[in-house]
Amino acid sequence: MTTLIQSPSKTVELSAVDGLAQLSFLIQDVLSSRASKYGLSMTLARLLGVLRDRTPSVNELAVFLDLDKSSVSGLITRAEERGLVERVPSLADGRVVVVRLTKRGRSQVRKFTSEFESDAVSLLSLLSYKDASALASLISRLLVAHAEAHGVDLFA
């Protein structure tokens, strides 16, 4: 599947795979720039993003981040050392430890998210409202289908 892209100066044909790859590189560059501003690795930024609206166990974090449990444990330890997260007993099962943002971590995530949202809005403003809405719908459908296929509940 290829898509014809037209600009005032030229027409370019991209396959869906090329388009996704190039968009991924662009978004990764924007995220990396923002993460760097806060002294965060991309993986730590992803961890904080996951914790923004949930308090998962270490095992659940491993699934969300697609990392092995030992890597996630080390990542959590580094985030704890910076005062961004804490491990606490689960309210549902005291034998299980969950990870949550600290006040400092929540503040940093709010700033990071706000700045990234501004970057993304600027990028999306290059499209018409109709095209940006269609893109958001397609992205949502793709991400939900991928999560379901991998046993991840995005809405827990």
C-alpha atoms as a PDB file:
ATOM      1  CA  MET A   1       0.000   0.000   0.000  1.00  0.00           C
ATOM      2  CA  THR A   2       1.455   3.361  -0.998  1.00  0.00           C
ATOM      3  CA  THR A   3       0.157   6.831  -0.388  1.00  0.00           C
ATOM      4  CA  LEU A   4       0.739   9.804  -2.619  1.00  0.00           C
ATOM      5  CA  ILE A   5       1.930  12.842  -0.686  1.00  0.00           C
ATOM      6  CA  GLN A   6       1.791  16.219  -2.353  1.00  0.00           C
ATOM      7  CA  SER A   7       3.417  19.450  -1.276  1.00  0.00           C
ATOM      8  CA  PRO A   8       3.610  22.725  -3.187  1.00  0.00           C
ATOM      9  CA  SER A   9       7.029  21.765  -4.548  1.00  0.00           C
ATOM     10  CA  LYS A  10       6.869  17.982  -5.076  1.00  0.00           C
ATOM     11  CA  THR A  11       4.929  14.752  -4.867  1.00  0.00           C
ATOM     12  CA  VAL A  12       6.299  11.803  -2.891  1.00  0.00           C
ATOM     13  CA  GLU A  13       4.968   8.274  -2.632  1.00  0.00           C
ATOM     14  CA  LEU A  14       5.370   6.518   0.714  1.00  0.00           C
ATOM     15  CA  SER A  15       4.343   3.005   1.604  1.00  0.00           C
ATOM     16  CA  ALA A  16       2.467   2.526   4.886  1.00  0.00           C
ATOM     17  CA  VAL A  17       5.634   0.911   6.285  1.00  0.00           C
ATOM     18  CA  ASP A  18       7.856   3.825   5.210  1.00  0.00           C
ATOM     19  CA  GLY A  19       5.346   6.323   6.538  1.00  0.00           C
ATOM     20  CA  LEU A  20       5.090   4.605   9.919  1.00  0.00           C
ATOM     21  CA  ALA A  21       8.868   4.275  10.193  1.00  0.00           C
ATOM     22  CA  GLN A  22       9.519   7.910   9.301  1.00  0.00           C
ATOM     23  CA  LEU A  23       6.749   9.134  11.615  1.00  0.00           C
ATOM     24  CA  SER A  24       8.187   6.956  14.379  1.00  0.00           C
ATOM     25  CA  PHE A  25      11.629   8.514  13.887  1.00  0.00           C
ATOM     26  CA  LEU A  26      10.133  12.011  13.997  1.00  0.00           C
ATOM     27  CA  ILE A  27       8.152  11.327  17.191  1.00  0.00           C
ATOM     28  CA  GLN A  28      11.140   9.604  18.817  1.00  0.00           C
ATOM     29  CA  ASP A  29      13.289  12.654  18.055  1.00  0.00           C
ATOM     30  CA  VAL A  30      10.718  14.981  19.632  1.00  0.00           C
ATOM     31  CA  LEU A  31      10.313  12.728  22.687  1.00  0.00           C
ATOM     32  CA  SER A  32      14.060  12.253  23.032  1.00  0.00           C
ATOM     33  CA  SER A  33      14.613  16.002  22.946  1.00  0.00           C
ATOM     34  CA  ARG A  34      12.012  16.549  25.671  1.00  0.00           C
ATOM     35  CA  ALA A  35      13.324  13.651  27.784  1.00  0.00           C
ATOM     36  CA  SER A  36      16.862  15.001  27.496  1.00  0.00           C
ATOM     37  CA  LYS A  37      15.711  18.390  28.769  1.00  0.00           C
ATOM     38  CA  TYR A  38      14.615  16.644  31.986  1.00  0.00           C
ATOM     39  CA  GLY A  39      17.650  14.367  32.169  1.00  0.00           C
ATOM     40  CA  LEU A  40      15.543  11.306  31.369  1.00  0.00           C
ATOM     41  CA  SER A  41      16.361   8.328  29.196  1.00  0.00           C
ATOM     42  CA  MET A  42      13.632   7.352  26.750  1.00  0.00           C
ATOM     43  CA  THR A  43      12.934   4.217  28.793  1.00  0.00           C
ATOM     44  CA  LEU A  44      12.555   6.209  32.000  1.00  0.00           C
ATOM     45  CA  ALA A  45      10.283   8.674  30.194  1.00  0.00           C
ATOM     46  CA  ARG A  46       8.151   5.725  29.041  1.00  0.00           C
ATOM     47  CA  LEU A  47       7.996   4.389  32.610  1.00  0.00           C
ATOM     48  CA  LEU A  48       6.805   7.743  33.917  1.00  0.00           C
ATOM     49  CA  GLY A  49       4.261   7.949  31.105  1.00  0.00           C
ATOM     50  CA  VAL A  50       2.836   4.555  32.036  1.00  0.00           C
ATOM     51  CA  LEU A  51       2.637   5.567  35.700  1.00  0.00           C
ATOM     52  CA  ARG A  52       0.858   8.803  34.831  1.00  0.00           C
ATOM     53  CA  ASP A  53      -2.555   7.170  35.093  1.00  0.00           C
ATOM     54  CA  ARG A  54      -2.042   3.786  36.779  1.00  0.00           C
ATOM     55  CA  THR A  55      -0.219   2.052  39.635  1.00  0.00           C
ATOM     56  CA  PRO A  56       0.914  -1.279  38.166  1.00  0.00           C
ATOM     57  CA  SER A  57       2.937  -4.077  39.684  1.00  0.00           C
ATOM     58  CA  VAL A  58       6.483  -4.693  38.483  1.00  0.00           C
ATOM     59  CA  ASN A  59       5.192  -7.602  36.378  1.00  0.00           C
ATOM     60  CA  GLU A  60       2.542  -5.399  34.779  1.00  0.00           C
ATOM     61  CA  LEU A  61       5.160  -2.731  34.064  1.00  0.00           C
ATOM     62  CA  ALA A  62       7.300  -5.352  32.347  1.00  0.00           C
ATOM     63  CA  VAL A  63       4.367  -6.102  30.028  1.00  0.00           C
ATOM     64  CA  PHE A  64       3.585  -2.417  29.382  1.00  0.00           C
ATOM     65  CA  LEU A  65       7.229  -1.600  28.628  1.00  0.00           C
ATOM     66  CA  ASP A  66       7.984  -4.896  26.883  1.00  0.00           C
ATOM     67  CA  LEU A  67      11.039  -5.432  29.098  1.00  0.00           C
ATOM     68  CA  ASP A  68      12.100  -8.315  31.315  1.00  0.00           C
ATOM     69  CA  LYS A  69      11.303  -8.025  35.013  1.00  0.00           C
ATOM     70  CA  SER A  70      14.943  -7.520  36.079  1.00  0.00           C
ATOM     71  CA  SER A  71      15.341  -4.582  33.664  1.00  0.00           C
ATOM     72  CA  VAL A  72      12.151  -3.022  34.995  1.00  0.00           C
ATOM     73  CA  SER A  73      13.308  -3.491  38.602  1.00  0.00           C
ATOM     74  CA  GLY A  74      16.552  -1.664  37.823  1.00  0.00           C
ATOM     75  CA  LEU A  75      14.654   1.095  36.044  1.00  0.00           C
ATOM     76  CA  ILE A  76      12.348   1.526  39.041  1.00  0.00           C
ATOM     77  CA  THR A  77      15.333   1.636  41.395  1.00  0.00           C
ATOM     78  CA  ARG A  78      16.949   4.416  39.331  1.00  0.00           C
ATOM     79  CA  ALA A  79      13.655   6.345  39.299  1.00  0.00           C
ATOM     80  CA  GLU A  80      13.316   5.867  43.084  1.00  0.00           C
ATOM     81  CA  GLU A  81      16.830   7.225  43.601  1.00  0.00           C
ATOM     82  CA  ARG A  82      15.757  10.378  41.762  1.00  0.00           C
ATOM     83  CA  GLY A  83      12.619  10.677  43.897  1.00  0.00           C
ATOM     84  CA  LEU A  84      10.270  10.140  40.946  1.00  0.00           C
ATOM     85  CA  VAL A  85       8.546   6.886  41.947  1.00  0.00           C
ATOM     86  CA  GLU A  86       7.951   4.721  44.979  1.00  0.00           C
ATOM     87  CA  ARG A  87       7.080   1.084  45.583  1.00  0.00           C
ATOM     88  CA  VAL A  88       4.108   0.505  47.885  1.00  0.00           C
ATOM     89  CA  PRO A  89       1.997  -2.501  48.892  1.00  0.00           C
ATOM     90  CA  SER A  90      -1.046  -3.043  46.684  1.00  0.00           C
ATOM     91  CA  LEU A  91      -4.338  -2.074  48.302  1.00  0.00           C
ATOM     92  CA  ALA A  92      -5.947  -5.116  46.653  1.00  0.00           C
ATOM     93  CA  ASP A  93      -3.277  -7.616  47.754  1.00  0.00           C
ATOM     94  CA  GLY A  94      -0.705  -6.638  50.374  1.00  0.00           C
ATOM     95  CA  ARG A  95       1.703  -9.304  49.084  1.00  0.00           C
ATOM     96  CA  VAL A  96       1.988  -7.464  45.758  1.00  0.00           C
ATOM     97  CA  VAL A  97       4.099  -4.338  45.342  1.00  0.00           C
ATOM     98  CA  VAL A  98       2.902  -1.631  42.969  1.00  0.00           C
ATOM     99  CA  VAL A  99       4.772   1.376  41.629  1.00  0.00           C
ATOM    100  CA  ARG A 100       3.417   4.907  41.696  1.00  0.00           C
ATOM    101  CA  LEU A 101       4.631   8.390  40.972  1.00  0.00           C
ATOM    102  CA  THR A 102       5.766  10.567  43.842  1.00  0.00           C
ATOM    103  CA  LYS A 103       4.658  14.183  44.063  1.00  0.00           C
ATOM    104  CA  ARG A 104       7.938  15.166  42.380  1.00  0.00           C
ATOM    105  CA  GLY A 105       7.468  12.516  39.685  1.00  0.00           C
ATOM    106  CA  ARG A 106       3.897  13.644  38.999  1.00  0.00           C
ATOM    107  CA  SER A 107       5.060  17.250  38.661  1.00  0.00           C
ATOM    108  CA  GLN A 108       7.806  16.262  36.230  1.00  0.00           C
ATOM    109  CA  VAL A 109       5.399  14.128  34.184  1.00  0.00           C
ATOM    110  CA  ARG A 110       2.911  17.018  34.004  1.00  0.00           C
ATOM    111  CA  LYS A 111       5.585  19.394  32.670  1.00  0.00           C
ATOM    112  CA  PHE A 112       7.027  16.844  30.250  1.00  0.00           C
ATOM    113  CA  THR A 113       3.566  15.861  28.970  1.00  0.00           C
ATOM    114  CA  SER A 114       2.473  19.470  28.531  1.00  0.00           C
ATOM    115  CA  GLU A 115       5.572  20.318  26.516  1.00  0.00           C
ATOM    116  CA  PHE A 116       5.319  17.189  24.380  1.00  0.00           C
ATOM    117  CA  GLU A 117       1.632  17.898  23.777  1.00  0.00           C
ATOM    118  CA  SER A 118       2.584  21.354  22.534  1.00  0.00           C
ATOM    119  CA  ASP A 119       5.154  19.787  20.197  1.00  0.00           C
ATOM    120  CA  ALA A 120       2.577  17.300  18.903  1.00  0.00           C
ATOM    121  CA  VAL A 121      -0.083  19.982  18.385  1.00  0.00           C
ATOM    122  CA  SER A 122       2.416  21.998  16.348  1.00  0.00           C
ATOM    123  CA  LEU A 123       3.145  18.950  14.245  1.00  0.00           C
ATOM    124  CA  LEU A 124      -0.547  18.133  13.768  1.00  0.00           C
ATOM    125  CA  SER A 125      -1.289  21.750  12.834  1.00  0.00           C
ATOM    126  CA  LEU A 126       0.450  20.995   9.535  1.00  0.00           C
ATOM    127  CA  LEU A 127      -2.655  18.926   8.676  1.00  0.00           C
ATOM    128  CA  SER A 128      -6.235  20.009   8.178  1.00  0.00           C
ATOM    129  CA  TYR A 129      -8.566  19.435  11.135  1.00  0.00           C
ATOM    130  CA  LYS A 130     -10.269  16.632   9.199  1.00  0.00           C
ATOM    131  CA  ASP A 131      -6.969  14.868   8.429  1.00  0.00           C
ATOM    132  CA  ALA A 132      -5.673  15.277  12.003  1.00  0.00           C
ATOM    133  CA  SER A 133      -8.933  13.784  13.349  1.00  0.00           C
ATOM    134  CA  ALA A 134      -8.748  10.878  10.906  1.00  0.00           C
ATOM    135  CA  LEU A 135      -5.140  10.239  11.902  1.00  0.00           C
ATOM    136  CA  ALA A 136      -6.053  10.245  15.616  1.00  0.00           C
ATOM    137  CA  SER A 137      -8.836   7.747  14.955  1.00  0.00           C
ATOM    138  CA  LEU A 138      -6.581   5.411  12.961  1.00  0.00           C
ATOM    139  CA  ILE A 139      -3.794   5.591  15.539  1.00  0.00           C
ATOM    140  CA  SER A 140      -6.250   4.802  18.342  1.00  0.00           C
ATOM    141  CA  ARG A 141      -7.658   1.803  16.514  1.00  0.00           C
ATOM    142  CA  LEU A 142      -4.182   0.472  15.710  1.00  0.00           C
ATOM    143  CA  LEU A 143      -2.907   0.864  19.287  1.00  0.00           C
ATOM    144  CA  VAL A 144      -6.000  -0.720  20.861  1.00  0.00           C
ATOM    145  CA  ALA A 145      -5.847  -3.673  18.447  1.00  0.00           C
ATOM    146  CA  HIS A 146      -2.128  -4.144  19.132  1.00  0.00           C
ATOM    147  CA  ALA A 147      -2.623  -3.989  22.906  1.00  0.00           C
ATOM    148  CA  GLU A 148      -5.487  -6.492  22.778  1.00  0.00           C
ATOM    149  CA  ALA A 149      -3.423  -8.856  20.623  1.00  0.00           C
ATOM    150  CA  HIS A 150      -0.676  -8.728  23.286  1.00  0.00           C
ATOM    151  CA  GLY A 151      -2.943  -9.063  26.324  1.00  0.00           C
ATOM    152  CA  VAL A 152      -2.455  -5.492  27.502  1.00  0.00           C
ATOM    153  CA  ASP A 153      -5.460  -3.653  28.935  1.00  0.00           C
ATOM    154  CA  LEU A 154      -4.964  -0.016  28.016  1.00  0.00           C
ATOM    155  CA  PHE A 155      -7.970   1.005  30.058  1.00  0.00           C
ATOM    156  CA  ALA A 156      -7.300  -0.736  33.387  1.00  0.00           C
END
